[in-house]
Amino acid sequence: MTFWLNRNINKLNWRVILNMIGFALIALSGLLMLPVIVALRYREFHLLSPFLITIGVCALCGLFLSRLKVKRNAYFARDGMIAVGLVWICVSFFGCLPFYFSGQIPALVDCFFETVSGFTTTGATILTDIESLSKSLLFWRSFTHWIGGMGVLVFVLAFLPKNNEHTMHIMRAEVPGPTISKLVSRLKTTAMILYALYMACRSSTRCAIRLVPPGRVVSPFTARASARTAACISKS
């Protein structure tokens, strides 16, 4: 890998890669608004600042990187591979900041591990009592699993206008499996169809979890959180 990087590092289209990281960070800052709503819903006002600070940092970094002028729009498989790897690292780092700023997971490396576990859908955790986290952080933890189940950059391709004929390289590097093909002619439409199916899978899983045997009560919050995690595992 080191030999490959030494030979190809100057051939990579770094501005396009940085643009892709920027769009991913902008998307992440938007997604972080959802746990803010959860914190307001459950009156966890002390957790608003960790989320809002993270949103501000993500948005500023994302806007800066996404506005870099691109000299050539073409990028290839090697660029897609590097872009996906760097996006995973950056999104995982920024995504772990609410855990760290809240103090509920004191060590930054543990916060990073927990977030990487979510975005990569491995299911590993450093927590011995997951439900000891606050509702908003529990929501964010399960939501990272849900986002990672389809892929962070697949989300970006589906909802952000940064698509051209070369974005298939991003999809190939992001989606697990030996091959990947488009369902329709436009890759953005393909990504949106996949997300529609993914959301339907999550909704059906949530309904199934609520249909538990009598005497076992599952709250709506727990059902939704479990459905987000189960949907990503079933997809992966």
Protein backbone atom coordinates (compact mmCIF):
# COMPACT_ATOMS: atom_id res chain seq x y z
CA MET A 1 0.00 0.00 0.00
CA THR A 2 2.83 2.42 0.85
CA PHE A 3 4.56 1.64 -2.47
CA TRP A 4 1.28 2.29 -4.34
CA LEU A 5 0.80 5.64 -2.58
CA ASN A 6 4.35 6.76 -3.30
CA ARG A 7 3.83 6.08 -7.00
CA ASN A 8 0.33 7.51 -7.36
CA ILE A 9 -0.04 10.26 -4.75
CA ASN A 10 0.77 13.01 -7.25
CA LYS A 11 -1.61 11.54 -9.82
CA LEU A 12 -4.63 11.78 -7.55
CA ASN A 13 -7.19 14.52 -8.13
CA TRP A 14 -6.90 15.94 -4.63
CA ARG A 15 -9.27 18.86 -5.15
CA VAL A 16 -12.10 16.55 -6.17
CA ILE A 17 -11.32 14.31 -3.18
CA LEU A 18 -11.38 17.32 -0.82
CA ASN A 19 -14.63 18.48 -2.43
CA MET A 20 -16.16 15.09 -1.68
CA ILE A 21 -14.99 15.27 1.94
CA GLY A 22 -16.50 18.75 2.16
CA PHE A 23 -19.90 17.61 0.87
CA ALA A 24 -19.83 14.66 3.29
CA LEU A 25 -19.15 17.02 6.21
CA ILE A 26 -21.99 19.31 5.12
CA ALA A 27 -24.29 16.29 5.00
CA LEU A 28 -23.08 15.24 8.45
CA SER A 29 -23.78 18.69 9.89
CA GLY A 30 -27.34 18.43 8.58
CA LEU A 31 -27.81 14.95 10.01
CA LEU A 32 -26.59 16.13 13.41
CA MET A 33 -29.68 18.35 13.61
CA LEU A 34 -31.78 15.24 14.23
CA PRO A 35 -30.25 14.41 17.66
CA VAL A 36 -30.65 18.11 18.51
CA ILE A 37 -34.40 17.69 17.95
CA VAL A 38 -34.32 14.55 20.11
CA ALA A 39 -32.49 16.46 22.86
CA LEU A 40 -35.17 19.16 22.77
CA ARG A 41 -37.92 16.52 22.78
CA TYR A 42 -36.57 14.86 25.94
CA ARG A 43 -35.47 18.15 27.57
CA GLU A 44 -31.77 17.29 27.50
CA PHE A 45 -30.80 20.94 27.19
CA HIS A 46 -27.32 20.35 28.59
CA LEU A 47 -26.51 18.30 25.48
CA LEU A 48 -27.43 20.99 22.98
CA SER A 49 -24.02 22.65 23.09
CA PRO A 50 -22.01 19.46 22.23
CA PHE A 51 -24.18 18.89 19.16
CA LEU A 52 -24.32 22.54 18.09
CA ILE A 53 -20.55 23.00 18.42
CA THR A 54 -20.00 19.89 16.30
CA ILE A 55 -22.51 21.11 13.71
CA GLY A 56 -20.73 24.47 13.47
CA VAL A 57 -17.28 22.91 13.05
CA CYS A 58 -18.58 20.42 10.45
CA ALA A 59 -20.39 23.09 8.48
CA LEU A 60 -17.41 25.46 8.40
CA CYS A 61 -14.93 22.77 7.37
CA GLY A 62 -17.38 21.34 4.85
CA LEU A 63 -18.11 24.71 3.23
CA PHE A 64 -14.39 25.49 2.97
CA LEU A 65 -13.51 22.15 1.35
CA SER A 66 -16.55 22.03 -0.95
CA ARG A 67 -15.76 25.49 -2.36
CA LEU A 68 -12.24 24.63 -3.48
CA LYS A 69 -11.93 25.24 -7.20
CA VAL A 70 -11.54 22.04 -9.18
CA LYS A 71 -9.21 22.29 -12.17
CA ARG A 72 -10.30 18.97 -13.69
CA ASN A 73 -13.54 17.18 -12.90
CA ALA A 74 -12.43 13.71 -14.02
CA TYR A 75 -11.54 11.18 -11.36
CA PHE A 76 -10.99 7.46 -11.48
CA ALA A 77 -10.97 4.31 -9.38
CA ARG A 78 -7.87 5.27 -7.40
CA ASP A 79 -9.39 8.65 -6.55
CA GLY A 80 -12.63 6.97 -5.49
CA MET A 81 -10.78 4.57 -3.20
CA ILE A 82 -8.83 7.35 -1.47
CA ALA A 83 -11.91 9.59 -1.23
CA VAL A 84 -13.97 6.88 0.44
CA GLY A 85 -11.22 6.07 2.94
CA LEU A 86 -10.67 9.71 3.90
CA VAL A 87 -14.40 10.40 4.14
CA TRP A 88 -14.81 7.48 6.55
CA ILE A 89 -12.00 8.83 8.74
CA CYS A 90 -13.20 12.46 8.71
CA VAL A 91 -16.88 11.64 9.24
CA SER A 92 -16.03 9.24 12.06
CA PHE A 93 -13.85 11.83 13.77
CA PHE A 94 -16.40 14.64 13.57
CA GLY A 95 -19.22 12.24 14.40
CA CYS A 96 -17.54 11.22 17.65
CA LEU A 97 -17.28 14.78 18.97
CA PRO A 98 -20.78 14.90 20.58
CA PHE A 99 -19.87 11.85 22.70
CA TYR A 100 -16.62 13.50 23.76
CA PHE A 101 -17.97 17.02 24.37
CA SER A 102 -20.85 15.62 26.43
CA GLY A 103 -18.44 13.83 28.78
CA GLN A 104 -20.52 10.65 28.76
CA ILE A 105 -17.64 8.84 27.02
CA PRO A 106 -14.56 10.52 28.53
CA ALA A 107 -11.77 9.24 26.26
CA LEU A 108 -11.58 10.59 22.70
CA VAL A 109 -10.23 7.29 21.38
CA ASP A 110 -13.26 5.47 22.84
CA CYS A 111 -15.59 8.01 21.24
CA PHE A 112 -13.84 7.51 17.90
CA PHE A 113 -14.06 3.72 18.23
CA GLU A 114 -17.78 3.90 19.01
CA THR A 115 -18.47 6.11 15.99
CA VAL A 116 -16.33 4.04 13.62
CA SER A 117 -18.22 0.98 14.84
CA GLY A 118 -21.46 2.74 13.92
CA PHE A 119 -20.51 4.02 10.47
CA THR A 120 -18.89 0.69 9.55
CA THR A 121 -21.81 -1.31 11.09
CA THR A 122 -19.47 -3.70 12.90
CA GLY A 123 -21.62 -3.63 16.05
CA ALA A 124 -18.63 -3.47 18.41
CA THR A 125 -18.83 -1.18 21.43
CA ILE A 126 -16.76 -0.05 24.39
CA LEU A 127 -19.89 0.56 26.49
CA THR A 128 -20.85 -1.92 29.20
CA ASP A 129 -24.23 -0.27 29.75
CA ILE A 130 -25.44 1.27 26.50
CA GLU A 131 -28.70 2.54 27.97
CA SER A 132 -26.76 4.68 30.44
CA LEU A 133 -26.31 7.20 27.61
CA SER A 134 -28.81 10.00 27.25
CA LYS A 135 -31.64 9.69 24.72
CA SER A 136 -30.09 12.05 22.19
CA LEU A 137 -26.72 10.29 22.26
CA LEU A 138 -28.45 6.91 22.03
CA PHE A 139 -30.29 8.22 19.00
CA TRP A 140 -27.06 9.45 17.42
CA ARG A 141 -25.32 6.15 18.14
CA SER A 142 -28.09 4.12 16.45
CA PHE A 143 -28.32 6.66 13.61
CA THR A 144 -24.63 6.22 12.77
CA HIS A 145 -25.38 2.53 12.27
CA TRP A 146 -28.29 3.40 9.99
CA ILE A 147 -26.23 5.82 7.88
CA GLY A 148 -23.29 3.43 7.67
CA GLY A 149 -25.51 0.53 6.60
CA MET A 150 -25.98 2.06 3.16
CA GLY A 151 -22.75 4.02 3.14
CA VAL A 152 -21.96 7.65 3.92
CA LEU A 153 -21.04 8.56 0.36
CA VAL A 154 -24.06 6.75 -1.07
CA PHE A 155 -26.10 9.18 1.03
CA VAL A 156 -24.11 12.08 -0.41
CA LEU A 157 -24.63 10.80 -3.95
CA ALA A 158 -28.36 10.45 -3.34
CA PHE A 159 -29.08 13.89 -1.91
CA LEU A 160 -26.33 16.27 -2.96
CA PRO A 161 -25.86 17.63 -6.51
CA LYS A 162 -22.28 16.45 -7.02
CA ASN A 163 -22.80 13.80 -9.66
CA ASN A 164 -21.28 13.13 -13.06
CA GLU A 165 -20.27 10.16 -15.15
CA HIS A 166 -17.34 9.39 -12.84
CA THR A 167 -19.32 8.96 -9.59
CA MET A 168 -19.63 5.23 -10.27
CA HIS A 169 -16.06 4.94 -8.97
CA ILE A 170 -17.28 6.30 -5.62
CA MET A 171 -20.15 3.81 -5.54
CA ARG A 172 -17.83 0.89 -6.34
CA ALA A 173 -15.40 1.87 -3.58
CA GLU A 174 -18.17 2.48 -1.03
CA VAL A 175 -20.64 -0.38 -1.48
CA PRO A 176 -19.65 -3.86 -0.22
CA GLY A 177 -19.60 -6.79 -2.62
CA PRO A 178 -17.57 -7.81 -5.68
CA THR A 179 -19.71 -5.91 -8.22
CA ILE A 180 -22.06 -2.94 -8.28
CA SER A 181 -24.35 -1.79 -11.07
CA LYS A 182 -26.90 0.95 -11.58
CA LEU A 183 -30.63 0.18 -11.32
CA VAL A 184 -31.41 3.07 -13.67
CA SER A 185 -29.38 5.26 -16.00
CA ARG A 186 -28.65 8.02 -13.44
CA LEU A 187 -26.55 7.03 -10.45
CA LYS A 188 -28.24 9.62 -8.21
CA THR A 189 -31.63 8.04 -8.94
CA THR A 190 -30.17 4.60 -8.21
CA ALA A 191 -28.92 5.81 -4.81
CA MET A 192 -32.34 7.31 -4.00
CA ILE A 193 -34.11 4.05 -4.95
CA LEU A 194 -31.74 2.12 -2.69
CA TYR A 195 -32.44 4.50 0.18
CA ALA A 196 -36.20 4.19 -0.36
CA LEU A 197 -35.90 0.39 -0.08
CA TYR A 198 -33.63 0.81 2.96
CA MET A 199 -36.16 3.07 4.70
CA ALA A 200 -38.93 0.58 3.95
CA CYS A 201 -36.81 -2.19 5.51
CA ARG A 202 -36.27 -0.05 8.60
CA SER A 203 -39.99 0.74 8.94
CA SER A 204 -41.01 -2.90 8.66
CA THR A 205 -38.38 -3.85 11.24
CA ARG A 206 -39.69 -1.23 13.66
CA CYS A 207 -43.25 -2.58 13.28
CA ALA A 208 -42.01 -6.13 13.89
CA ILE A 209 -40.17 -5.08 17.05
CA ARG A 210 -43.31 -3.42 18.41
CA LEU A 211 -45.21 -6.72 17.95
CA VAL A 212 -43.58 -8.33 20.98
CA PRO A 213 -45.28 -10.96 23.16
CA PRO A 214 -47.70 -9.64 25.81
CA GLY A 215 -46.01 -8.59 29.02
CA ARG A 216 -42.86 -7.32 27.30
CA VAL A 217 -43.14 -3.58 26.77
CA VAL A 218 -40.94 -1.94 24.12
CA SER A 219 -41.06 1.85 24.04
CA PRO A 220 -41.37 3.63 20.68
CA PHE A 221 -37.89 5.14 21.18
CA THR A 222 -36.32 1.71 21.80
CA ALA A 223 -38.18 0.21 18.82
CA ARG A 224 -36.95 2.93 16.47
CA ALA A 225 -33.34 2.71 17.74
CA SER A 226 -33.32 -1.08 17.46
CA ALA A 227 -34.83 -0.90 13.96
CA ARG A 228 -32.09 1.46 12.74
CA THR A 229 -29.40 -0.91 14.03
CA ALA A 230 -31.11 -4.09 12.78
CA ALA A 231 -31.74 -2.64 9.32
CA CYS A 232 -28.04 -1.82 8.82
CA ILE A 233 -26.95 -5.28 10.00
CA SER A 234 -29.42 -7.03 7.69
CA LYS A 235 -28.20 -4.91 4.76
CA SER A 236 -24.52 -5.49 5.49
